Amino acid sequence: PQGKIEPNFTLISTSKGVTRAFIPQLGVIYKKSYPTDSENNTPFLGIGPFCAPTYLRSPADNINYGIRMSYGMELQAGVNIGRRGLLQVSYLESTRVRNLDLSGIRFVAGVRL
């Protein structure tokens, strides 16, 4: 089967007192499924670029960057469980925001509505 291009949106937001991080990640993913003997579970791989207008503020660390853009690539591997379930691991390679490296691994477990 052919792969397909899908929109990719992730929102990371956290705050504690005056410390804040707000990172909406916007991109596209080329995703390809790999059918198996199981009707319910379908593994997939994906890759795609993203951009993220990033807001970081931590006065204790002398960080008050306002909004800065970061860009990168995401690699995904996962399995669709039935029609609605999802288990996924992603690696994100990102440009730095000033001196902060936002690259890393993300784990996702979810149910689609």
Protein backbone atom coordinates (compact mmCIF):
# COMPACT_ATOMS: atom_id res chain seq x y z
CA PRO A 1 0.00 0.00 0.00
CA GLN A 2 0.98 3.56 -0.65
CA GLY A 3 1.77 5.93 2.17
CA LYS A 4 -0.13 9.13 2.77
CA ILE A 5 0.65 12.67 3.86
CA GLU A 6 -1.17 13.81 7.00
CA PRO A 7 -1.22 17.03 9.02
CA ASN A 8 0.71 16.80 12.28
CA PHE A 9 -0.13 19.05 15.24
CA THR A 10 1.16 18.73 18.79
CA LEU A 11 0.76 21.22 21.62
CA ILE A 12 3.15 21.26 24.58
CA SER A 13 2.20 23.68 27.33
CA THR A 14 3.30 23.90 30.94
CA SER A 15 3.57 26.52 33.63
CA LYS A 16 4.58 26.76 37.25
CA GLY A 17 4.44 30.19 38.85
CA VAL A 18 6.10 32.58 36.39
CA THR A 19 7.90 29.77 34.52
CA ARG A 20 6.18 28.93 31.24
CA ALA A 21 6.68 26.90 28.07
CA PHE A 22 4.27 26.96 25.12
CA ILE A 23 5.29 25.00 22.02
CA PRO A 24 2.73 24.36 19.26
CA GLN A 25 4.36 22.05 16.72
CA LEU A 26 2.92 22.31 13.19
CA GLY A 27 3.94 20.03 10.36
CA VAL A 28 3.14 17.21 7.97
CA ILE A 29 3.97 13.53 8.19
CA TYR A 30 4.41 11.02 5.38
CA LYS A 31 3.04 7.87 7.01
CA LYS A 32 3.06 4.34 5.67
CA SER A 33 1.18 1.41 7.21
CA TYR A 34 2.37 -2.18 7.06
CA PRO A 35 -0.52 -4.67 7.04
CA THR A 36 -0.16 -7.81 9.17
CA ASP A 37 -2.16 -10.98 9.69
CA SER A 38 -3.99 -9.24 12.52
CA GLU A 39 -7.08 -7.33 11.41
CA ASN A 40 -6.93 -5.09 14.47
CA ASN A 41 -3.29 -3.99 14.74
CA THR A 42 -1.46 -2.15 11.96
CA PRO A 43 2.15 -0.95 12.44
CA PHE A 44 3.29 2.24 10.72
CA LEU A 45 6.35 4.42 10.14
CA GLY A 46 6.33 8.14 9.46
CA ILE A 47 8.67 11.05 8.73
CA GLY A 48 8.08 14.75 8.24
CA PRO A 49 9.17 18.34 8.84
CA PHE A 50 7.72 20.71 11.42
CA CYS A 51 7.99 24.27 12.67
CA ALA A 52 7.25 25.41 16.19
CA PRO A 53 6.70 29.02 17.32
CA THR A 54 8.13 28.55 20.82
CA TYR A 55 7.54 30.71 23.90
CA LEU A 56 9.86 30.07 26.87
CA ARG A 57 10.06 32.00 30.13
CA SER A 58 12.01 31.05 33.26
CA PRO A 59 13.21 34.07 35.27
CA ALA A 60 15.20 31.84 37.66
CA ASP A 61 17.25 30.62 34.65
CA ASN A 62 17.42 34.08 33.03
CA ILE A 63 15.23 32.89 30.14
CA ASN A 64 12.65 35.27 28.68
CA TYR A 65 12.76 34.63 24.95
CA GLY A 66 9.36 35.77 23.78
CA ILE A 67 8.37 33.86 20.64
CA ARG A 68 11.18 32.18 18.68
CA MET A 69 10.83 29.75 15.77
CA SER A 70 12.33 26.31 15.79
CA TYR A 71 12.31 23.84 12.89
CA GLY A 72 13.02 20.17 12.59
CA MET A 73 12.14 16.65 11.51
CA GLU A 74 10.11 13.98 13.24
CA LEU A 75 10.47 10.21 12.87
CA GLN A 76 7.54 8.09 14.05
CA ALA A 77 7.03 4.37 14.66
CA GLY A 78 3.85 2.96 16.09
CA VAL A 79 0.84 0.74 15.84
CA ASN A 80 -2.82 1.53 15.20
CA ILE A 81 -4.95 -0.63 17.48
CA GLY A 82 -8.33 -1.27 15.96
CA ARG A 83 -9.96 1.79 14.42
CA ARG A 84 -9.30 4.17 17.32
CA GLY A 85 -6.33 3.12 19.44
CA LEU A 86 -2.75 4.34 18.99
CA LEU A 87 0.66 3.60 20.48
CA GLN A 88 3.55 5.63 19.07
CA VAL A 89 7.12 6.67 19.75
CA SER A 90 8.64 9.68 17.97
CA TYR A 91 12.09 11.18 17.78
CA LEU A 92 12.21 14.92 17.12
CA GLU A 93 15.39 16.61 15.89
CA SER A 94 14.98 20.35 16.32
CA THR A 95 16.95 23.55 15.89
CA ARG A 96 17.94 25.24 19.14
CA VAL A 97 15.97 28.09 20.66
CA ARG A 98 18.84 30.31 21.76
CA ASN A 99 20.91 27.82 23.77
CA LEU A 100 18.12 25.29 24.48
CA ASP A 101 17.98 22.03 22.52
CA LEU A 102 14.34 20.95 22.13
CA SER A 103 15.18 17.62 20.43
CA GLY A 104 14.01 14.44 22.11
CA ILE A 105 11.79 11.40 22.28
CA ARG A 106 8.01 11.49 22.71
CA PHE A 107 5.75 8.58 23.66
CA VAL A 108 2.05 8.70 22.74
CA ALA A 109 -0.85 6.46 23.75
CA GLY A 110 -4.29 7.56 22.74
CA VAL A 111 -7.80 7.04 21.50
CA ARG A 112 -9.06 8.81 18.39
CA LEU A 113 -12.51 10.35 18.54
